[in-house]
Amino acid sequence: MREIRAALQTSANEIEAHEIVCGLLYERFDHYSWVGIYVVEDVELILSAYSGPEETEHTRIAVGEGICGLAAASGTTEVVPDVSQRPEFIACFPSTRSEIVVPIHGPNGVLGEIDIDSDWLDAFDDRDRELLETIAEELSGVMSGGA
């Protein structure tokens, strides 16, 4: 977390901050198969940055659609241990078995979210959730102009 916090303090802009976070999370956690940050623009989530083997075709997702859209609409973290059990799941990659989506809150609502896919079943635990929610708070400062 210290490494991410320090990197965010020296990032030149919001997009660089997103790229740094995605890169560090993808590098440091073997069970994070793909890490992306989406930003909210009107009624859509727009992919801002990602780290992983390839870009998803889902670079724009409607708020309320899929796991990402549900997290943006509700403002709550979504942890999905087995994506095959959630009919609303939008498959970014055929290998994805579980997903966690953590909203980034601003003063006037959800600014964006951290989306992580894993090729492992039931990959995310409370430690992942707590870490990612803390990182989302740090990103909120950058995205709200506070960093």
N, C-alpha and C. Protein backbone atom coordinates (compact mmCIF):
# COMPACT_ATOMS: atom_id res chain seq x y z
N MET A 1 0.83 -1.20 0.00
CA MET A 1 0.00 0.00 0.00
C MET A 1 0.86 1.26 0.00
N ARG A 2 1.98 1.20 0.75
CA ARG A 2 2.87 2.38 0.78
C ARG A 2 3.39 2.70 -0.62
N GLU A 3 3.73 1.65 -1.37
CA GLU A 3 4.25 1.85 -2.72
C GLU A 3 3.21 2.51 -3.62
N ILE A 4 1.98 2.09 -3.50
CA ILE A 4 0.90 2.68 -4.30
C ILE A 4 0.66 4.12 -3.87
N ARG A 5 0.61 4.36 -2.57
CA ARG A 5 0.38 5.72 -2.07
C ARG A 5 1.48 6.66 -2.55
N ALA A 6 2.73 6.22 -2.47
CA ALA A 6 3.86 7.06 -2.91
C ALA A 6 3.78 7.32 -4.41
N ALA A 7 3.44 6.29 -5.17
CA ALA A 7 3.34 6.46 -6.63
C ALA A 7 2.21 7.42 -6.99
N LEU A 8 1.10 7.34 -6.28
CA LEU A 8 -0.02 8.24 -6.57
C LEU A 8 0.35 9.70 -6.28
N GLN A 9 1.15 9.92 -5.25
CA GLN A 9 1.55 11.28 -4.90
C GLN A 9 2.44 11.91 -5.96
N THR A 10 3.14 11.07 -6.72
CA THR A 10 4.05 11.61 -7.75
C THR A 10 3.48 11.50 -9.16
N SER A 11 2.28 10.94 -9.29
CA SER A 11 1.70 10.79 -10.64
C SER A 11 1.36 12.17 -11.20
N ALA A 12 1.55 12.30 -12.50
CA ALA A 12 1.34 13.59 -13.17
C ALA A 12 -0.13 13.91 -13.38
N ASN A 13 -0.95 12.87 -13.52
CA ASN A 13 -2.36 13.10 -13.81
C ASN A 13 -3.18 11.86 -13.45
N GLU A 14 -4.47 11.95 -13.63
CA GLU A 14 -5.38 10.87 -13.26
C GLU A 14 -5.11 9.59 -14.05
N ILE A 15 -4.88 9.71 -15.35
CA ILE A 15 -4.65 8.51 -16.17
C ILE A 15 -3.36 7.82 -15.74
N GLU A 16 -2.31 8.58 -15.48
CA GLU A 16 -1.07 7.98 -15.00
C GLU A 16 -1.29 7.29 -13.66
N ALA A 17 -2.07 7.88 -12.78
CA ALA A 17 -2.39 7.25 -11.49
C ALA A 17 -3.10 5.92 -11.71
N HIS A 18 -4.04 5.89 -12.63
CA HIS A 18 -4.76 4.64 -12.94
C HIS A 18 -3.80 3.59 -13.48
N GLU A 19 -2.91 3.99 -14.38
CA GLU A 19 -1.95 3.05 -14.95
C GLU A 19 -1.02 2.48 -13.89
N ILE A 20 -0.57 3.34 -12.96
CA ILE A 20 0.31 2.90 -11.88
C ILE A 20 -0.39 1.87 -11.01
N VAL A 21 -1.60 2.16 -10.60
CA VAL A 21 -2.34 1.24 -9.73
C VAL A 21 -2.57 -0.09 -10.43
N CYS A 22 -3.02 -0.05 -11.66
CA CYS A 22 -3.26 -1.30 -12.41
C CYS A 22 -1.98 -2.12 -12.51
N GLY A 23 -0.89 -1.46 -12.86
CA GLY A 23 0.38 -2.16 -13.03
C GLY A 23 0.88 -2.79 -11.74
N LEU A 24 0.84 -2.04 -10.65
CA LEU A 24 1.34 -2.57 -9.38
C LEU A 24 0.48 -3.73 -8.88
N LEU A 25 -0.82 -3.60 -8.97
CA LEU A 25 -1.70 -4.69 -8.51
C LEU A 25 -1.49 -5.94 -9.36
N TYR A 26 -1.41 -5.79 -10.66
CA TYR A 26 -1.23 -6.94 -11.55
C TYR A 26 0.11 -7.63 -11.28
N GLU A 27 1.16 -6.84 -11.06
CA GLU A 27 2.50 -7.39 -10.79
C GLU A 27 2.58 -8.11 -9.45
N ARG A 28 1.93 -7.58 -8.43
CA ARG A 28 2.13 -8.04 -7.06
C ARG A 28 1.25 -9.23 -6.64
N PHE A 29 0.15 -9.45 -7.33
CA PHE A 29 -0.80 -10.47 -6.90
C PHE A 29 -1.01 -11.50 -8.01
N ASP A 30 -0.53 -12.71 -7.77
CA ASP A 30 -0.62 -13.77 -8.78
C ASP A 30 -2.05 -14.10 -9.16
N HIS A 31 -2.97 -13.94 -8.23
CA HIS A 31 -4.36 -14.31 -8.52
C HIS A 31 -5.14 -13.19 -9.20
N TYR A 32 -4.50 -12.07 -9.48
CA TYR A 32 -5.13 -10.99 -10.24
C TYR A 32 -4.74 -11.18 -11.71
N SER A 33 -5.64 -11.76 -12.49
CA SER A 33 -5.34 -12.09 -13.89
C SER A 33 -5.48 -10.89 -14.82
N TRP A 34 -6.31 -9.94 -14.43
CA TRP A 34 -6.52 -8.72 -15.21
C TRP A 34 -7.02 -7.64 -14.25
N VAL A 35 -6.43 -6.46 -14.33
CA VAL A 35 -6.79 -5.34 -13.46
C VAL A 35 -7.14 -4.14 -14.33
N GLY A 36 -8.31 -3.59 -14.13
CA GLY A 36 -8.72 -2.41 -14.89
C GLY A 36 -9.33 -1.35 -13.99
N ILE A 37 -9.27 -0.13 -14.45
CA ILE A 37 -9.96 0.98 -13.79
C ILE A 37 -10.86 1.63 -14.83
N TYR A 38 -12.13 1.70 -14.47
CA TYR A 38 -13.13 2.36 -15.29
C TYR A 38 -13.50 3.68 -14.63
N VAL A 39 -13.82 4.68 -15.43
CA VAL A 39 -14.32 5.95 -14.91
C VAL A 39 -15.77 6.13 -15.38
N VAL A 40 -16.56 6.78 -14.55
CA VAL A 40 -17.95 7.04 -14.88
C VAL A 40 -18.03 8.31 -15.72
N GLU A 41 -18.67 8.21 -16.87
CA GLU A 41 -18.98 9.37 -17.71
C GLU A 41 -20.45 9.26 -18.08
N ASP A 42 -21.24 10.16 -17.55
CA ASP A 42 -22.69 10.14 -17.74
C ASP A 42 -23.26 8.81 -17.24
N VAL A 43 -23.76 7.97 -18.13
CA VAL A 43 -24.37 6.70 -17.71
C VAL A 43 -23.53 5.51 -18.17
N GLU A 44 -22.24 5.75 -18.41
CA GLU A 44 -21.35 4.68 -18.87
C GLU A 44 -20.09 4.62 -18.03
N LEU A 45 -19.52 3.43 -17.99
CA LEU A 45 -18.19 3.22 -17.46
C LEU A 45 -17.24 3.13 -18.65
N ILE A 46 -16.17 3.91 -18.61
CA ILE A 46 -15.19 3.95 -19.70
C ILE A 46 -13.86 3.42 -19.17
N LEU A 47 -13.28 2.44 -19.85
CA LEU A 47 -12.00 1.89 -19.42
C LEU A 47 -10.92 2.97 -19.53
N SER A 48 -10.27 3.26 -18.40
CA SER A 48 -9.24 4.29 -18.35
C SER A 48 -7.84 3.68 -18.45
N ALA A 49 -7.63 2.55 -17.78
CA ALA A 49 -6.32 1.89 -17.78
C ALA A 49 -6.52 0.43 -17.42
N TYR A 50 -5.55 -0.39 -17.81
CA TYR A 50 -5.61 -1.80 -17.43
C TYR A 50 -4.21 -2.39 -17.46
N SER A 51 -4.04 -3.50 -16.76
CA SER A 51 -2.84 -4.33 -16.85
C SER A 51 -3.30 -5.77 -16.92
N GLY A 52 -2.73 -6.49 -17.83
CA GLY A 52 -3.08 -7.88 -18.04
C GLY A 52 -2.61 -8.31 -19.40
N PRO A 53 -2.91 -9.54 -19.76
CA PRO A 53 -2.41 -10.06 -21.02
C PRO A 53 -2.98 -9.37 -22.26
N GLU A 54 -4.19 -8.82 -22.13
CA GLU A 54 -4.79 -8.14 -23.28
C GLU A 54 -5.91 -7.22 -22.82
N GLU A 55 -6.26 -6.27 -23.69
CA GLU A 55 -7.38 -5.38 -23.39
C GLU A 55 -8.69 -6.15 -23.58
N THR A 56 -9.66 -5.81 -22.77
CA THR A 56 -10.99 -6.38 -22.94
C THR A 56 -11.72 -5.67 -24.08
N GLU A 57 -12.64 -6.36 -24.70
CA GLU A 57 -13.48 -5.69 -25.70
C GLU A 57 -14.52 -4.81 -25.02
N HIS A 58 -14.69 -4.98 -23.72
CA HIS A 58 -15.68 -4.21 -22.97
C HIS A 58 -15.04 -2.93 -22.42
N THR A 59 -14.76 -2.00 -23.31
CA THR A 59 -14.15 -0.73 -22.91
C THR A 59 -15.20 0.29 -22.49
N ARG A 60 -16.46 0.00 -22.77
CA ARG A 60 -17.59 0.85 -22.37
C ARG A 60 -18.68 -0.08 -21.84
N ILE A 61 -19.14 0.20 -20.62
CA ILE A 61 -20.18 -0.61 -20.00
C ILE A 61 -21.23 0.33 -19.43
N ALA A 62 -22.47 0.06 -19.70
CA ALA A 62 -23.56 0.89 -19.16
C ALA A 62 -23.64 0.71 -17.65
N VAL A 63 -23.83 1.81 -16.93
CA VAL A 63 -24.07 1.73 -15.49
C VAL A 63 -25.34 0.90 -15.30
N GLY A 64 -25.25 -0.11 -14.43
CA GLY A 64 -26.37 -1.01 -14.20
C GLY A 64 -26.26 -2.31 -14.96
N GLU A 65 -25.31 -2.41 -15.89
CA GLU A 65 -25.15 -3.61 -16.72
C GLU A 65 -23.95 -4.43 -16.25
N GLY A 66 -24.15 -5.73 -16.07
CA GLY A 66 -23.06 -6.60 -15.64
C GLY A 66 -22.65 -6.31 -14.21
N ILE A 67 -21.64 -7.01 -13.74
CA ILE A 67 -21.16 -6.84 -12.37
C ILE A 67 -20.59 -5.43 -12.20
N CYS A 68 -19.82 -4.97 -13.18
CA CYS A 68 -19.24 -3.62 -13.10
C CYS A 68 -20.33 -2.56 -13.03
N GLY A 69 -21.30 -2.67 -13.89
CA GLY A 69 -22.39 -1.70 -13.91
C GLY A 69 -23.22 -1.71 -12.65
N LEU A 70 -23.42 -2.91 -12.07
CA LEU A 70 -24.17 -3.01 -10.81
C LEU A 70 -23.42 -2.33 -9.67
N ALA A 71 -22.10 -2.54 -9.61
CA ALA A 71 -21.30 -1.91 -8.56
C ALA A 71 -21.33 -0.39 -8.69
N ALA A 72 -21.28 0.10 -9.92
CA ALA A 72 -21.34 1.55 -10.14
C ALA A 72 -22.71 2.10 -9.75
N ALA A 73 -23.77 1.37 -10.06
CA ALA A 73 -25.12 1.83 -9.75
C ALA A 73 -25.40 1.81 -8.25
N SER A 74 -24.92 0.78 -7.57
CA SER A 74 -25.21 0.63 -6.13
C SER A 74 -24.20 1.34 -5.25
N GLY A 75 -22.99 1.55 -5.78
CA GLY A 75 -21.93 2.15 -4.98
C GLY A 75 -21.33 1.19 -3.97
N THR A 76 -21.58 -0.11 -4.13
CA THR A 76 -21.06 -1.10 -3.19
C THR A 76 -20.13 -2.08 -3.91
N THR A 77 -19.18 -2.60 -3.15
CA THR A 77 -18.25 -3.58 -3.68
C THR A 77 -18.99 -4.87 -4.03
N GLU A 78 -18.65 -5.41 -5.18
CA GLU A 78 -19.21 -6.70 -5.64
C GLU A 78 -18.08 -7.73 -5.64
N VAL A 79 -18.25 -8.79 -4.86
CA VAL A 79 -17.31 -9.90 -4.86
C VAL A 79 -18.05 -11.11 -5.43
N VAL A 80 -17.53 -11.65 -6.51
CA VAL A 80 -18.19 -12.78 -7.18
C VAL A 80 -17.23 -13.98 -7.16
N PRO A 81 -17.46 -14.94 -6.24
CA PRO A 81 -16.56 -16.08 -6.13
C PRO A 81 -16.57 -17.01 -7.34
N ASP A 82 -17.73 -17.08 -8.02
CA ASP A 82 -17.88 -17.96 -9.18
C ASP A 82 -18.77 -17.25 -10.20
N VAL A 83 -18.15 -16.70 -11.23
CA VAL A 83 -18.91 -15.89 -12.19
C VAL A 83 -19.95 -16.72 -12.95
N SER A 84 -19.77 -18.03 -13.01
CA SER A 84 -20.75 -18.86 -13.71
C SER A 84 -22.09 -18.91 -12.98
N GLN A 85 -22.11 -18.47 -11.73
CA GLN A 85 -23.34 -18.46 -10.94
C GLN A 85 -24.07 -17.13 -10.99
N ARG A 86 -23.54 -16.17 -11.73
CA ARG A 86 -24.16 -14.85 -11.85
C ARG A 86 -24.55 -14.60 -13.30
N PRO A 87 -25.84 -14.74 -13.63
CA PRO A 87 -26.26 -14.59 -15.03
C PRO A 87 -25.98 -13.21 -15.61
N GLU A 88 -25.87 -12.18 -14.77
CA GLU A 88 -25.60 -10.84 -15.26
C GLU A 88 -24.13 -10.61 -15.59
N PHE A 89 -23.27 -11.57 -15.28
CA PHE A 89 -21.84 -11.44 -15.55
C PHE A 89 -21.59 -11.27 -17.05
N ILE A 90 -20.77 -10.26 -17.39
CA ILE A 90 -20.34 -10.04 -18.77
C ILE A 90 -18.91 -10.55 -18.87
N ALA A 91 -18.69 -11.57 -19.66
CA ALA A 91 -17.37 -12.19 -19.76
C ALA A 91 -16.42 -11.32 -20.57
N CYS A 92 -15.38 -10.84 -19.91
CA CYS A 92 -14.33 -10.13 -20.62
C CYS A 92 -13.35 -11.12 -21.23
N PHE A 93 -13.13 -12.23 -20.51
CA PHE A 93 -12.20 -13.26 -20.95
C PHE A 93 -12.80 -14.63 -20.63
N PRO A 94 -12.65 -15.61 -21.51
CA PRO A 94 -13.21 -16.93 -21.26
C PRO A 94 -12.62 -17.61 -20.02
N SER A 95 -11.40 -17.23 -19.64
CA SER A 95 -10.72 -17.86 -18.51
C SER A 95 -11.16 -17.33 -17.15
N THR A 96 -11.91 -16.24 -17.11
CA THR A 96 -12.29 -15.62 -15.83
C THR A 96 -13.22 -16.54 -15.05
N ARG A 97 -12.85 -16.76 -13.77
CA ARG A 97 -13.65 -17.61 -12.89
C ARG A 97 -14.26 -16.81 -11.73
N SER A 98 -13.58 -15.72 -11.32
CA SER A 98 -14.12 -14.89 -10.24
C SER A 98 -13.75 -13.43 -10.51
N GLU A 99 -14.46 -12.53 -9.80
CA GLU A 99 -14.29 -11.09 -10.07
C GLU A 99 -14.56 -10.31 -8.79
N ILE A 100 -13.86 -9.19 -8.65
CA ILE A 100 -14.17 -8.22 -7.60
C ILE A 100 -14.20 -6.84 -8.26
N VAL A 101 -15.21 -6.06 -7.90
CA VAL A 101 -15.36 -4.70 -8.43
C VAL A 101 -15.56 -3.77 -7.24
N VAL A 102 -14.69 -2.77 -7.13
CA VAL A 102 -14.70 -1.85 -6.00
C VAL A 102 -14.94 -0.43 -6.51
N PRO A 103 -16.07 0.18 -6.13
CA PRO A 103 -16.34 1.56 -6.55
C PRO A 103 -15.35 2.55 -5.95
N ILE A 104 -15.08 3.59 -6.71
CA ILE A 104 -14.28 4.73 -6.25
C ILE A 104 -15.26 5.87 -6.02
N HIS A 105 -15.43 6.24 -4.76
CA HIS A 105 -16.44 7.25 -4.40
C HIS A 105 -15.85 8.65 -4.39
N GLY A 106 -16.63 9.59 -4.89
CA GLY A 106 -16.28 11.00 -4.83
C GLY A 106 -17.31 11.73 -4.01
N PRO A 107 -17.18 13.03 -3.88
CA PRO A 107 -18.12 13.80 -3.06
C PRO A 107 -19.55 13.77 -3.59
N ASN A 108 -19.71 13.52 -4.89
CA ASN A 108 -21.05 13.55 -5.48
C ASN A 108 -21.47 12.22 -6.09
N GLY A 109 -20.87 11.13 -5.63
CA GLY A 109 -21.25 9.82 -6.15
C GLY A 109 -20.05 9.02 -6.62
N VAL A 110 -20.32 7.97 -7.36
CA VAL A 110 -19.26 7.08 -7.84
C VAL A 110 -18.53 7.73 -9.01
N LEU A 111 -17.19 7.80 -8.88
CA LEU A 111 -16.33 8.38 -9.92
C LEU A 111 -15.84 7.32 -10.90
N GLY A 112 -15.72 6.10 -10.40
CA GLY A 112 -15.18 5.02 -11.20
C GLY A 112 -15.11 3.77 -10.37
N GLU A 113 -14.29 2.81 -10.84
CA GLU A 113 -14.16 1.56 -10.09
C GLU A 113 -12.92 0.80 -10.50
N ILE A 114 -12.46 -0.01 -9.56
CA ILE A 114 -11.39 -0.96 -9.81
C ILE A 114 -12.06 -2.29 -10.11
N ASP A 115 -11.70 -2.89 -11.23
CA ASP A 115 -12.28 -4.18 -11.65
C ASP A 115 -11.15 -5.18 -11.80
N ILE A 116 -11.26 -6.29 -11.07
CA ILE A 116 -10.22 -7.32 -11.15
C ILE A 116 -10.86 -8.66 -11.46
N ASP A 117 -10.34 -9.30 -12.50
CA ASP A 117 -10.75 -10.65 -12.88
C ASP A 117 -9.67 -11.62 -12.43
N SER A 118 -10.10 -12.84 -12.08
CA SER A 118 -9.15 -13.89 -11.75
C SER A 118 -9.50 -15.17 -12.48
N ASP A 119 -8.48 -15.89 -12.88
CA ASP A 119 -8.67 -17.19 -13.49
C ASP A 119 -8.89 -18.26 -12.42
N TRP A 120 -8.79 -17.86 -11.15
CA TRP A 120 -8.99 -18.77 -10.03
C TRP A 120 -10.43 -18.66 -9.54
N LEU A 121 -11.00 -19.77 -9.17
CA LEU A 121 -12.31 -19.79 -8.54
C LEU A 121 -12.17 -19.28 -7.11
N ASP A 122 -13.11 -18.46 -6.67
CA ASP A 122 -13.13 -17.94 -5.29
C ASP A 122 -11.80 -17.30 -4.90
N ALA A 123 -11.30 -16.44 -5.77
CA ALA A 123 -9.95 -15.88 -5.61
C ALA A 123 -9.84 -14.76 -4.58
N PHE A 124 -10.94 -14.09 -4.26
CA PHE A 124 -10.87 -12.86 -3.48
C PHE A 124 -11.41 -13.06 -2.07
N ASP A 125 -10.63 -12.59 -1.09
CA ASP A 125 -11.05 -12.71 0.30
C ASP A 125 -11.17 -11.32 0.93
N ASP A 126 -11.38 -11.28 2.23
CA ASP A 126 -11.55 -10.00 2.93
C ASP A 126 -10.31 -9.12 2.82
N ARG A 127 -9.13 -9.73 2.78
CA ARG A 127 -7.90 -8.92 2.66
C ARG A 127 -7.86 -8.20 1.31
N ASP A 128 -8.25 -8.91 0.25
CA ASP A 128 -8.31 -8.26 -1.07
C ASP A 128 -9.29 -7.10 -1.03
N ARG A 129 -10.46 -7.37 -0.48
CA ARG A 129 -11.51 -6.35 -0.43
C ARG A 129 -11.03 -5.12 0.35
N GLU A 130 -10.45 -5.33 1.52
CA GLU A 130 -9.98 -4.21 2.34
C GLU A 130 -8.88 -3.42 1.63
N LEU A 131 -7.92 -4.12 1.03
CA LEU A 131 -6.84 -3.45 0.31
C LEU A 131 -7.40 -2.62 -0.84
N LEU A 132 -8.27 -3.22 -1.63
CA LEU A 132 -8.80 -2.52 -2.80
C LEU A 132 -9.70 -1.36 -2.42
N GLU A 133 -10.45 -1.49 -1.33
CA GLU A 133 -11.27 -0.37 -0.87
C GLU A 133 -10.39 0.78 -0.38
N THR A 134 -9.26 0.46 0.24
CA THR A 134 -8.31 1.50 0.67
C THR A 134 -7.69 2.19 -0.55
N ILE A 135 -7.32 1.40 -1.55
CA ILE A 135 -6.76 1.98 -2.78
C ILE A 135 -7.80 2.85 -3.47
N ALA A 136 -9.05 2.41 -3.47
CA ALA A 136 -10.13 3.22 -4.07
C ALA A 136 -10.25 4.57 -3.37
N GLU A 137 -10.09 4.58 -2.05
CA GLU A 137 -10.12 5.86 -1.31
C GLU A 137 -8.97 6.76 -1.76
N GLU A 138 -7.79 6.19 -1.93
CA GLU A 138 -6.64 6.97 -2.40
C GLU A 138 -6.89 7.53 -3.81
N LEU A 139 -7.43 6.69 -4.67
CA LEU A 139 -7.74 7.14 -6.03
C LEU A 139 -8.80 8.22 -6.04
N SER A 140 -9.72 8.15 -5.12
CA SER A 140 -10.76 9.17 -5.03
C SER A 140 -10.14 10.55 -4.84
N GLY A 141 -9.11 10.62 -4.01
CA GLY A 141 -8.42 11.89 -3.80
C GLY A 141 -7.81 12.43 -5.08
N VAL A 142 -7.19 11.54 -5.86
CA VAL A 142 -6.59 11.94 -7.13
C VAL A 142 -7.68 12.38 -8.11
N MET A 143 -8.74 11.59 -8.20
CA MET A 143 -9.80 11.86 -9.18
C MET A 143 -10.65 13.06 -8.80
N SER A 144 -10.69 13.39 -7.52
CA SER A 144 -11.45 14.55 -7.05
C SER A 144 -10.59 15.81 -7.02
N GLY A 145 -9.32 15.66 -7.40
CA GLY A 145 -8.43 16.81 -7.41
C GLY A 145 -7.75 17.07 -6.09
N GLY A 146 -7.81 16.09 -5.17
CA GLY A 146 -7.23 16.28 -3.85
C GLY A 146 -5.79 15.87 -3.72
N ALA A 147 -5.22 15.22 -4.74
CA ALA A 147 -3.82 14.78 -4.62
C ALA A 147 -2.93 15.59 -5.52
